[in-house]
Full PDB file with SEQRES, HELIX, SHEET, SSBOND, CRYST1, ORIGX, SCALE, CONECT and MASTER records, all heavy atoms in Angstrom:
SEQRES   1 A   39  GLU ARG SER SER TRP VAL VAL SER GLY VAL ALA LEU ALA          
SEQRES   2 A   39  ALA ALA LEU GLY SER VAL LEU VAL ALA ALA ARG THR THR          
SEQRES   3 A   39  SER TRP ARG ARG VAL PRO ALA THR ALA GLY LEU ALA VAL          
HELIX    1 AA1 TRP A    5  ALA A   23  1                                  19    
HELIX    2 AA2 SER A   27  ARG A   30  5                                   4    
HELIX    3 AA3 PRO A   32  ALA A   38  1                                   7    
CRYST1    1.000    1.000    1.000  90.00  90.00  90.00 P 1           1          
ORIGX1      1.000000  0.000000  0.000000        0.00000                         
ORIGX2      0.000000  1.000000  0.000000        0.00000                         
ORIGX3      0.000000  0.000000  1.000000        0.00000                         
SCALE1      1.000000  0.000000  0.000000        0.00000                         
SCALE2      0.000000  1.000000  0.000000        0.00000                         
SCALE3      0.000000  0.000000  1.000000        0.00000                         
ATOM      1  N   GLU A   1     -62.481 -43.738 -28.495  1.00  0.00           N  
ATOM      2  CA  GLU A   1     -62.393 -42.357 -28.022  1.00  0.00           C  
ATOM      3  C   GLU A   1     -63.106 -42.132 -26.703  1.00  0.00           C  
ATOM      4  O   GLU A   1     -62.852 -41.146 -26.005  1.00  0.00           O  
ATOM      5  CB  GLU A   1     -62.931 -41.384 -29.075  1.00  0.00           C  
ATOM      6  CG  GLU A   1     -64.340 -41.647 -29.518  1.00  0.00           C  
ATOM      7  CD  GLU A   1     -64.389 -42.541 -30.749  1.00  0.00           C  
ATOM      8  OE1 GLU A   1     -63.514 -43.430 -30.874  1.00  0.00           O  
ATOM      9  OE2 GLU A   1     -65.290 -42.361 -31.568  1.00  0.00           O  
ATOM     10  N   ARG A   2     -63.989 -43.062 -26.331  1.00  0.00           N  
ATOM     11  CA  ARG A   2     -64.689 -42.933 -25.051  1.00  0.00           C  
ATOM     12  C   ARG A   2     -63.716 -43.088 -23.869  1.00  0.00           C  
ATOM     13  O   ARG A   2     -64.014 -42.637 -22.769  1.00  0.00           O  
ATOM     14  CB  ARG A   2     -65.785 -43.991 -24.942  1.00  0.00           C  
ATOM     15  CG  ARG A   2     -66.896 -43.874 -25.976  1.00  0.00           C  
ATOM     16  CD  ARG A   2     -67.898 -42.821 -25.609  1.00  0.00           C  
ATOM     17  NE  ARG A   2     -68.668 -43.209 -24.438  1.00  0.00           N  
ATOM     18  CZ  ARG A   2     -69.472 -42.359 -23.780  1.00  0.00           C  
ATOM     19  NH1 ARG A   2     -69.570 -41.102 -24.152  1.00  0.00           N  
ATOM     20  NH2 ARG A   2     -70.159 -42.782 -22.720  1.00  0.00           N  
ATOM     21  N   SER A   3     -62.584 -43.714 -24.096  1.00  0.00           N  
ATOM     22  CA  SER A   3     -61.609 -43.911 -23.010  1.00  0.00           C  
ATOM     23  C   SER A   3     -60.722 -42.689 -22.805  1.00  0.00           C  
ATOM     24  O   SER A   3     -59.941 -42.644 -21.845  1.00  0.00           O  
ATOM     25  CB  SER A   3     -60.733 -45.131 -23.295  1.00  0.00           C  
ATOM     26  OG  SER A   3     -59.959 -44.931 -24.468  1.00  0.00           O  
ATOM     27  N   SER A   4     -60.824 -41.713 -23.677  1.00  0.00           N  
ATOM     28  CA  SER A   4     -60.004 -40.508 -23.571  1.00  0.00           C  
ATOM     29  C   SER A   4     -60.624 -39.535 -22.588  1.00  0.00           C  
ATOM     30  O   SER A   4     -61.808 -39.185 -22.691  1.00  0.00           O  
ATOM     31  CB  SER A   4     -59.877 -39.844 -24.950  1.00  0.00           C  
ATOM     32  OG  SER A   4     -59.372 -38.526 -24.838  1.00  0.00           O  
ATOM     33  N   TRP A   5     -59.815 -39.061 -21.642  1.00  0.00           N  
ATOM     34  CA  TRP A   5     -60.293 -38.064 -20.687  1.00  0.00           C  
ATOM     35  C   TRP A   5     -60.772 -36.807 -21.420  1.00  0.00           C  
ATOM     36  O   TRP A   5     -61.797 -36.223 -21.061  1.00  0.00           O  
ATOM     37  CB  TRP A   5     -59.181 -37.692 -19.711  1.00  0.00           C  
ATOM     38  CG  TRP A   5     -58.941 -38.693 -18.625  1.00  0.00           C  
ATOM     39  CD1 TRP A   5     -58.047 -39.723 -18.655  1.00  0.00           C  
ATOM     40  CD2 TRP A   5     -59.589 -38.752 -17.354  1.00  0.00           C  
ATOM     41  NE1 TRP A   5     -58.104 -40.427 -17.480  1.00  0.00           N  
ATOM     42  CE2 TRP A   5     -59.041 -39.852 -16.655  1.00  0.00           C  
ATOM     43  CE3 TRP A   5     -60.573 -37.987 -16.735  1.00  0.00           C  
ATOM     44  CZ2 TRP A   5     -59.439 -40.215 -15.375  1.00  0.00           C  
ATOM     45  CZ3 TRP A   5     -60.983 -38.331 -15.450  1.00  0.00           C  
ATOM     46  CH2 TRP A   5     -60.426 -39.422 -14.785  1.00  0.00           C  
ATOM     47  N   VAL A   6     -60.019 -36.400 -22.433  1.00  0.00           N  
ATOM     48  CA  VAL A   6     -60.337 -35.148 -23.124  1.00  0.00           C  
ATOM     49  C   VAL A   6     -61.604 -35.283 -23.957  1.00  0.00           C  
ATOM     50  O   VAL A   6     -62.550 -34.481 -23.831  1.00  0.00           O  
ATOM     51  CB  VAL A   6     -59.157 -34.708 -24.013  1.00  0.00           C  
ATOM     52  CG1 VAL A   6     -59.536 -33.468 -24.825  1.00  0.00           C  
ATOM     53  CG2 VAL A   6     -57.920 -34.432 -23.174  1.00  0.00           C  
ATOM     54  N   VAL A   7     -61.653 -36.306 -24.817  1.00  0.00           N  
ATOM     55  CA  VAL A   7     -62.790 -36.449 -25.722  1.00  0.00           C  
ATOM     56  C   VAL A   7     -64.071 -36.729 -24.942  1.00  0.00           C  
ATOM     57  O   VAL A   7     -65.106 -36.096 -25.170  1.00  0.00           O  
ATOM     58  CB  VAL A   7     -62.532 -37.560 -26.757  1.00  0.00           C  
ATOM     59  CG1 VAL A   7     -63.752 -37.758 -27.649  1.00  0.00           C  
ATOM     60  CG2 VAL A   7     -61.310 -37.216 -27.603  1.00  0.00           C  
ATOM     61  N   SER A   8     -63.998 -37.695 -24.027  1.00  0.00           N  
ATOM     62  CA  SER A   8     -65.198 -37.992 -23.243  1.00  0.00           C  
ATOM     63  C   SER A   8     -65.556 -36.823 -22.327  1.00  0.00           C  
ATOM     64  O   SER A   8     -66.738 -36.603 -22.016  1.00  0.00           O  
ATOM     65  CB  SER A   8     -64.998 -39.268 -22.426  1.00  0.00           C  
ATOM     66  OG  SER A   8     -63.961 -39.110 -21.475  1.00  0.00           O  
ATOM     67  N   GLY A   9     -64.553 -36.061 -21.907  1.00  0.00           N  
ATOM     68  CA  GLY A   9     -64.816 -34.886 -21.081  1.00  0.00           C  
ATOM     69  C   GLY A   9     -65.555 -33.805 -21.848  1.00  0.00           C  
ATOM     70  O   GLY A   9     -66.449 -33.134 -21.312  1.00  0.00           O  
ATOM     71  N   VAL A  10     -65.202 -33.629 -23.123  1.00  0.00           N  
ATOM     72  CA  VAL A  10     -65.926 -32.678 -23.969  1.00  0.00           C  
ATOM     73  C   VAL A  10     -67.377 -33.114 -24.127  1.00  0.00           C  
ATOM     74  O   VAL A  10     -68.309 -32.297 -24.048  1.00  0.00           O  
ATOM     75  CB  VAL A  10     -65.239 -32.541 -25.344  1.00  0.00           C  
ATOM     76  CG1 VAL A  10     -66.112 -31.743 -26.300  1.00  0.00           C  
ATOM     77  CG2 VAL A  10     -63.871 -31.888 -25.195  1.00  0.00           C  
ATOM     78  N   ALA A  11     -67.579 -34.418 -24.368  1.00  0.00           N  
ATOM     79  CA  ALA A  11     -68.938 -34.929 -24.504  1.00  0.00           C  
ATOM     80  C   ALA A  11     -69.738 -34.724 -23.226  1.00  0.00           C  
ATOM     81  O   ALA A  11     -70.918 -34.323 -23.270  1.00  0.00           O  
ATOM     82  CB  ALA A  11     -68.906 -36.428 -24.868  1.00  0.00           C  
ATOM     83  N   LEU A  12     -69.104 -34.977 -22.084  1.00  0.00           N  
ATOM     84  CA  LEU A  12     -69.787 -34.800 -20.799  1.00  0.00           C  
ATOM     85  C   LEU A  12     -70.133 -33.334 -20.569  1.00  0.00           C  
ATOM     86  O   LEU A  12     -71.244 -32.999 -20.139  1.00  0.00           O  
ATOM     87  CB  LEU A  12     -68.900 -35.331 -19.674  1.00  0.00           C  
ATOM     88  CG  LEU A  12     -69.460 -35.200 -18.258  1.00  0.00           C  
ATOM     89  CD1 LEU A  12     -70.771 -35.965 -18.120  1.00  0.00           C  
ATOM     90  CD2 LEU A  12     -68.438 -35.716 -17.238  1.00  0.00           C  
ATOM     91  N   ALA A  13     -69.188 -32.429 -20.868  1.00  0.00           N  
ATOM     92  CA  ALA A  13     -69.443 -31.004 -20.683  1.00  0.00           C  
ATOM     93  C   ALA A  13     -70.571 -30.523 -21.591  1.00  0.00           C  
ATOM     94  O   ALA A  13     -71.431 -29.742 -21.173  1.00  0.00           O  
ATOM     95  CB  ALA A  13     -68.165 -30.203 -20.955  1.00  0.00           C  
ATOM     96  N   ALA A  14     -70.569 -30.997 -22.838  1.00  0.00           N  
ATOM     97  CA  ALA A  14     -71.621 -30.603 -23.775  1.00  0.00           C  
ATOM     98  C   ALA A  14     -72.976 -31.125 -23.320  1.00  0.00           C  
ATOM     99  O   ALA A  14     -73.989 -30.417 -23.399  1.00  0.00           O  
ATOM    100  CB  ALA A  14     -71.296 -31.133 -25.172  1.00  0.00           C  
ATOM    101  N   ALA A  15     -73.003 -32.364 -22.829  1.00  0.00           N  
ATOM    102  CA  ALA A  15     -74.271 -32.944 -22.373  1.00  0.00           C  
ATOM    103  C   ALA A  15     -74.807 -32.188 -21.156  1.00  0.00           C  
ATOM    104  O   ALA A  15     -75.980 -31.790 -21.114  1.00  0.00           O  
ATOM    105  CB  ALA A  15     -74.074 -34.422 -22.041  1.00  0.00           C  
ATOM    106  N   LEU A  16     -73.957 -31.977 -20.154  1.00  0.00           N  
ATOM    107  CA  LEU A  16     -74.394 -31.278 -18.945  1.00  0.00           C  
ATOM    108  C   LEU A  16     -74.761 -29.832 -19.248  1.00  0.00           C  
ATOM    109  O   LEU A  16     -75.734 -29.296 -18.693  1.00  0.00           O  
ATOM    110  CB  LEU A  16     -73.301 -31.341 -17.891  1.00  0.00           C  
ATOM    111  CG  LEU A  16     -72.990 -32.728 -17.311  1.00  0.00           C  
ATOM    112  CD1 LEU A  16     -71.834 -32.668 -16.329  1.00  0.00           C  
ATOM    113  CD2 LEU A  16     -74.219 -33.327 -16.646  1.00  0.00           C  
ATOM    114  N   GLY A  17     -73.995 -29.189 -20.134  1.00  0.00           N  
ATOM    115  CA  GLY A  17     -74.311 -27.816 -20.502  1.00  0.00           C  
ATOM    116  C   GLY A  17     -75.653 -27.697 -21.193  1.00  0.00           C  
ATOM    117  O   GLY A  17     -76.446 -26.786 -20.887  1.00  0.00           O  
ATOM    118  N   SER A  18     -75.945 -28.619 -22.099  1.00  0.00           N  
ATOM    119  CA  SER A  18     -77.225 -28.591 -22.790  1.00  0.00           C  
ATOM    120  C   SER A  18     -78.385 -28.826 -21.831  1.00  0.00           C  
ATOM    121  O   SER A  18     -79.414 -28.152 -21.911  1.00  0.00           O  
ATOM    122  CB  SER A  18     -77.248 -29.660 -23.905  1.00  0.00           C  
ATOM    123  OG  SER A  18     -76.268 -29.390 -24.881  1.00  0.00           O  
ATOM    124  N   VAL A  19     -78.200 -29.760 -20.917  1.00  0.00           N  
ATOM    125  CA  VAL A  19     -79.249 -30.041 -19.935  1.00  0.00           C  
ATOM    126  C   VAL A  19     -79.466 -28.827 -19.036  1.00  0.00           C  
ATOM    127  O   VAL A  19     -80.614 -28.478 -18.698  1.00  0.00           O  
ATOM    128  CB  VAL A  19     -78.887 -31.283 -19.108  1.00  0.00           C  
ATOM    129  CG1 VAL A  19     -79.852 -31.455 -17.943  1.00  0.00           C  
ATOM    130  CG2 VAL A  19     -78.902 -32.527 -19.989  1.00  0.00           C  
ATOM    131  N   LEU A  20     -78.390 -28.164 -18.637  1.00  0.00           N  
ATOM    132  CA  LEU A  20     -78.512 -26.991 -17.778  1.00  0.00           C  
ATOM    133  C   LEU A  20     -79.256 -25.869 -18.485  1.00  0.00           C  
ATOM    134  O   LEU A  20     -80.148 -25.227 -17.906  1.00  0.00           O  
ATOM    135  CB  LEU A  20     -77.122 -26.510 -17.345  1.00  0.00           C  
ATOM    136  CG  LEU A  20     -77.083 -25.270 -16.435  1.00  0.00           C  
ATOM    137  CD1 LEU A  20     -77.832 -25.544 -15.129  1.00  0.00           C  
ATOM    138  CD2 LEU A  20     -75.643 -24.863 -16.157  1.00  0.00           C  
ATOM    139  N   VAL A  21     -78.920 -25.610 -19.754  1.00  0.00           N  
ATOM    140  CA  VAL A  21     -79.611 -24.575 -20.513  1.00  0.00           C  
ATOM    141  C   VAL A  21     -81.089 -24.918 -20.666  1.00  0.00           C  
ATOM    142  O   VAL A  21     -81.967 -24.064 -20.497  1.00  0.00           O  
ATOM    143  CB  VAL A  21     -78.954 -24.391 -21.892  1.00  0.00           C  
ATOM    144  CG1 VAL A  21     -79.799 -23.472 -22.775  1.00  0.00           C  
ATOM    145  CG2 VAL A  21     -77.552 -23.817 -21.745  1.00  0.00           C  
ATOM    146  N   ALA A  22     -81.372 -26.188 -20.988  1.00  0.00           N  
ATOM    147  CA  ALA A  22     -82.767 -26.606 -21.150  1.00  0.00           C  
ATOM    148  C   ALA A  22     -83.537 -26.481 -19.849  1.00  0.00           C  
ATOM    149  O   ALA A  22     -84.717 -26.091 -19.844  1.00  0.00           O  
ATOM    150  CB  ALA A  22     -82.816 -28.053 -21.659  1.00  0.00           C  
ATOM    151  N   ALA A  23     -82.891 -26.796 -18.728  1.00  0.00           N  
ATOM    152  CA  ALA A  23     -83.565 -26.714 -17.436  1.00  0.00           C  
ATOM    153  C   ALA A  23     -83.942 -25.281 -17.093  1.00  0.00           C  
ATOM    154  O   ALA A  23     -84.916 -25.037 -16.365  1.00  0.00           O  
ATOM    155  CB  ALA A  23     -82.678 -27.295 -16.339  1.00  0.00           C  
ATOM    156  N   ARG A  24     -83.190 -24.309 -17.619  1.00  0.00           N  
ATOM    157  CA  ARG A  24     -83.466 -22.902 -17.357  1.00  0.00           C  
ATOM    158  C   ARG A  24     -84.426 -22.303 -18.389  1.00  0.00           C  
ATOM    159  O   ARG A  24     -84.742 -21.120 -18.325  1.00  0.00           O  
ATOM    160  CB  ARG A  24     -82.152 -22.108 -17.358  1.00  0.00           C  
ATOM    161  CG  ARG A  24     -81.224 -22.492 -16.211  1.00  0.00           C  
ATOM    162  CD  ARG A  24     -79.852 -21.852 -16.399  1.00  0.00           C  
ATOM    163  NE  ARG A  24     -79.945 -20.385 -16.447  1.00  0.00           N  
ATOM    164  CZ  ARG A  24     -79.943 -19.603 -15.375  1.00  0.00           C  
ATOM    165  NH1 ARG A  24     -79.854 -20.151 -14.154  1.00  0.00           N  
ATOM    166  NH2 ARG A  24     -80.015 -18.296 -15.491  1.00  0.00           N  
ATOM    167  N   THR A  25     -84.858 -23.154 -19.334  1.00  0.00           N  
ATOM    168  CA  THR A  25     -85.798 -22.704 -20.358  1.00  0.00           C  
ATOM    169  C   THR A  25     -87.193 -23.184 -19.970  1.00  0.00           C  
ATOM    170  O   THR A  25     -87.418 -24.390 -19.807  1.00  0.00           O  
ATOM    171  CB  THR A  25     -85.413 -23.271 -21.743  1.00  0.00           C  
ATOM    172  OG1 THR A  25     -84.063 -22.899 -22.035  1.00  0.00           O  
ATOM    173  CG2 THR A  25     -86.338 -22.739 -22.825  1.00  0.00           C  
ATOM    174  N   THR A  26     -88.109 -22.259 -19.822  1.00  0.00           N  
ATOM    175  CA  THR A  26     -89.442 -22.627 -19.322  1.00  0.00           C  
ATOM    176  C   THR A  26     -90.367 -23.164 -20.398  1.00  0.00           C  
ATOM    177  O   THR A  26     -91.344 -23.846 -20.095  1.00  0.00           O  
ATOM    178  CB  THR A  26     -90.107 -21.404 -18.656  1.00  0.00           C  
ATOM    179  OG1 THR A  26     -90.225 -20.342 -19.622  1.00  0.00           O  
ATOM    180  CG2 THR A  26     -89.290 -20.927 -17.469  1.00  0.00           C  
ATOM    181  N   SER A  27     -90.076 -22.897 -21.668  1.00  0.00           N  
ATOM    182  CA  SER A  27     -91.026 -23.249 -22.724  1.00  0.00           C  
ATOM    183  C   SER A  27     -91.274 -24.748 -22.808  1.00  0.00           C  
ATOM    184  O   SER A  27     -92.406 -25.189 -23.033  1.00  0.00           O  
ATOM    185  CB  SER A  27     -90.536 -22.719 -24.075  1.00  0.00           C  
ATOM    186  OG  SER A  27     -89.272 -23.275 -24.392  1.00  0.00           O  
ATOM    187  N   TRP A  28     -90.217 -25.554 -22.615  1.00  0.00           N  
ATOM    188  CA  TRP A  28     -90.392 -27.003 -22.771  1.00  0.00           C  
ATOM    189  C   TRP A  28     -91.279 -27.587 -21.682  1.00  0.00           C  
ATOM    190  O   TRP A  28     -91.957 -28.584 -21.877  1.00  0.00           O  
ATOM    191  CB  TRP A  28     -89.035 -27.716 -22.776  1.00  0.00           C  
ATOM    192  CG  TRP A  28     -88.288 -27.650 -21.469  1.00  0.00           C  
ATOM    193  CD1 TRP A  28     -87.407 -26.698 -21.096  1.00  0.00           C  
ATOM    194  CD2 TRP A  28     -88.374 -28.555 -20.372  1.00  0.00           C  
ATOM    195  NE1 TRP A  28     -86.915 -26.947 -19.829  1.00  0.00           N  
ATOM    196  CE2 TRP A  28     -87.507 -28.090 -19.364  1.00  0.00           C  
ATOM    197  CE3 TRP A  28     -89.097 -29.723 -20.144  1.00  0.00           C  
ATOM    198  CZ2 TRP A  28     -87.349 -28.745 -18.147  1.00  0.00           C  
ATOM    199  CZ3 TRP A  28     -88.939 -30.377 -18.933  1.00  0.00           C  
ATOM    200  CH2 TRP A  28     -88.067 -29.890 -17.954  1.00  0.00           C  
ATOM    201  N   ARG A  29     -91.323 -26.921 -20.508  1.00  0.00           N  
ATOM    202  CA  ARG A  29     -92.146 -27.433 -19.416  1.00  0.00           C  
ATOM    203  C   ARG A  29     -93.634 -27.210 -19.673  1.00  0.00           C  
ATOM    204  O   ARG A  29     -94.480 -27.857 -19.051  1.00  0.00           O  
ATOM    205  CB  ARG A  29     -91.736 -26.769 -18.100  1.00  0.00           C  
ATOM    206  CG  ARG A  29     -90.379 -27.216 -17.585  1.00  0.00           C  
ATOM    207  CD  ARG A  29     -90.190 -26.858 -16.130  1.00  0.00           C  
ATOM    208  NE  ARG A  29     -90.076 -25.425 -15.935  1.00  0.00           N  
ATOM    209  CZ  ARG A  29     -88.909 -24.760 -15.917  1.00  0.00           C  
ATOM    210  NH1 ARG A  29     -87.791 -25.426 -16.089  1.00  0.00           N  
ATOM    211  NH2 ARG A  29     -88.877 -23.459 -15.704  1.00  0.00           N  
ATOM    212  N   ARG A  30     -93.958 -26.272 -20.572  1.00  0.00           N  
ATOM    213  CA  ARG A  30     -95.353 -26.004 -20.876  1.00  0.00           C  
ATOM    214  C   ARG A  30     -95.910 -26.942 -21.941  1.00  0.00           C  
ATOM    215  O   ARG A  30     -97.099 -26.937 -22.220  1.00  0.00           O  
ATOM    216  CB  ARG A  30     -95.516 -24.548 -21.339  1.00  0.00           C  
ATOM    217  CG  ARG A  30     -95.225 -23.535 -20.254  1.00  0.00           C  
ATOM    218  CD  ARG A  30     -95.765 -22.163 -20.631  1.00  0.00           C  
ATOM    219  NE  ARG A  30     -95.085 -21.626 -21.805  1.00  0.00           N  
ATOM    220  CZ  ARG A  30     -94.044 -20.797 -21.738  1.00  0.00           C  
ATOM    221  NH1 ARG A  30     -93.565 -20.443 -20.549  1.00  0.00           N  
ATOM    222  NH2 ARG A  30     -93.485 -20.327 -22.840  1.00  0.00           N  
ATOM    223  N   VAL A  31     -95.038 -27.721 -22.559  1.00  0.00           N  
ATOM    224  CA  VAL A  31     -95.464 -28.671 -23.600  1.00  0.00           C  
ATOM    225  C   VAL A  31     -95.423 -30.075 -23.003  1.00  0.00           C  
ATOM    226  O   VAL A  31     -94.351 -30.565 -22.649  1.00  0.00           O  
ATOM    227  CB  VAL A  31     -94.545 -28.588 -24.838  1.00  0.00           C  
ATOM    228  CG1 VAL A  31     -95.004 -29.574 -25.907  1.00  0.00           C  
ATOM    229  CG2 VAL A  31     -94.526 -27.164 -25.382  1.00  0.00           C  
ATOM    230  N   PRO A  32     -96.565 -30.751 -22.855  1.00  0.00           N  
ATOM    231  CA  PRO A  32     -96.571 -32.069 -22.202  1.00  0.00           C  
ATOM    232  C   PRO A  32     -95.630 -33.079 -22.844  1.00  0.00           C  
ATOM    233  O   PRO A  32     -95.027 -33.891 -22.141  1.00  0.00           O  
ATOM    234  CB  PRO A  32     -98.043 -32.506 -22.340  1.00  0.00           C  
ATOM    235  CG  PRO A  32     -98.814 -31.237 -22.468  1.00  0.00           C  
ATOM    236  CD  PRO A  32     -97.928 -30.295 -23.227  1.00  0.00           C  
ATOM    237  N   ALA A  33     -95.489 -33.052 -24.169  1.00  0.00           N  
ATOM    238  CA  ALA A  33     -94.646 -34.045 -24.834  1.00  0.00           C  
ATOM    239  C   ALA A  33     -93.207 -33.956 -24.349  1.00  0.00           C  
ATOM    240  O   ALA A  33     -92.582 -34.977 -24.022  1.00  0.00           O  
ATOM    241  CB  ALA A  33     -94.722 -33.865 -26.350  1.00  0.00           C  
ATOM    242  N   THR A  34     -92.642 -32.743 -24.304  1.00  0.00           N  
ATOM    243  CA  THR A  34     -91.243 -32.599 -23.887  1.00  0.00           C  
ATOM    244  C   THR A  34     -91.094 -32.687 -22.374  1.00  0.00           C  
ATOM    245  O   THR A  34     -90.100 -33.224 -21.870  1.00  0.00           O  
ATOM    246  CB  THR A  34     -90.673 -31.270 -24.408  1.00  0.00           C  
ATOM    247  OG1 THR A  34     -91.554 -30.192 -24.049  1.00  0.00           O  
ATOM    248  CG2 THR A  34     -90.530 -31.306 -25.916  1.00  0.00           C  
ATOM    249  N   ALA A  35     -92.069 -32.164 -21.640  1.00  0.00           N  
ATOM    250  CA  ALA A  35     -91.990 -32.257 -20.173  1.00  0.00           C  
ATOM    251  C   ALA A  35     -92.072 -33.710 -19.716  1.00  0.00           C  
ATOM    252  O   ALA A  35     -91.297 -34.160 -18.859  1.00  0.00           O  
ATOM    253  CB  ALA A  35     -93.119 -31.437 -19.544  1.00  0.00           C  
ATOM    254  N   GLY A  36     -93.009 -34.456 -20.279  1.00  0.00           N  
ATOM    255  CA  GLY A  36     -93.138 -35.865 -19.914  1.00  0.00           C  
ATOM    256  C   GLY A  36     -91.940 -36.682 -20.345  1.00  0.00           C  
ATOM    257  O   GLY A  36     -91.481 -37.584 -19.633  1.00  0.00           O  
ATOM    258  N   LEU A  37     -91.390 -36.367 -21.528  1.00  0.00           N  
ATOM    259  CA  LEU A  37     -90.198 -37.066 -21.997  1.00  0.00           C  
ATOM    260  C   LEU A  37     -89.032 -36.826 -21.053  1.00  0.00           C  
ATOM    261  O   LEU A  37     -88.236 -37.735 -20.772  1.00  0.00           O  
ATOM    262  CB  LEU A  37     -89.840 -36.595 -23.416  1.00  0.00           C  
ATOM    263  CG  LEU A  37     -88.635 -37.273 -24.070  1.00  0.00           C  
ATOM    264  CD1 LEU A  37     -88.892 -38.771 -24.259  1.00  0.00           C  
ATOM    265  CD2 LEU A  37     -88.317 -36.617 -25.418  1.00  0.00           C  
ATOM    266  N   ALA A  38     -88.917 -35.597 -20.532  1.00  0.00           N  
ATOM    267  CA  ALA A  38     -87.832 -35.288 -19.595  1.00  0.00           C  
ATOM    268  C   ALA A  38     -87.964 -36.108 -18.312  1.00  0.00           C  
ATOM    269  O   ALA A  38     -86.976 -36.656 -17.802  1.00  0.00           O  
ATOM    270  CB  ALA A  38     -87.834 -33.791 -19.273  1.00  0.00           C  
ATOM    271  N   VAL A  39     -89.183 -36.211 -17.795  1.00  0.00           N  
ATOM    272  CA  VAL A  39     -89.403 -37.010 -16.580  1.00  0.00           C  
ATOM    273  C   VAL A  39     -89.058 -38.474 -16.844  1.00  0.00           C  
ATOM    274  O   VAL A  39     -88.382 -39.127 -16.040  1.00  0.00           O  
ATOM    275  CB  VAL A  39     -90.860 -36.870 -16.108  1.00  0.00           C  
ATOM    276  CG1 VAL A  39     -91.136 -37.828 -14.950  1.00  0.00           C  
ATOM    277  CG2 VAL A  39     -91.145 -35.438 -15.675  1.00  0.00           C  
TER     278      VAL A  39                                                      
MASTER        0    0    0    3    0    0    0    6  277    1    0    3          
END                                                                             
């Protein structure tokens, strides 16, 4: 299924969307464990 434009595209959109939402959330940056893990 990774070779499918549609299925892999959904996975890519979900991944980028989650990262974008997390990047706009300030709480994780105040916690060293999650901030350091992100770096």
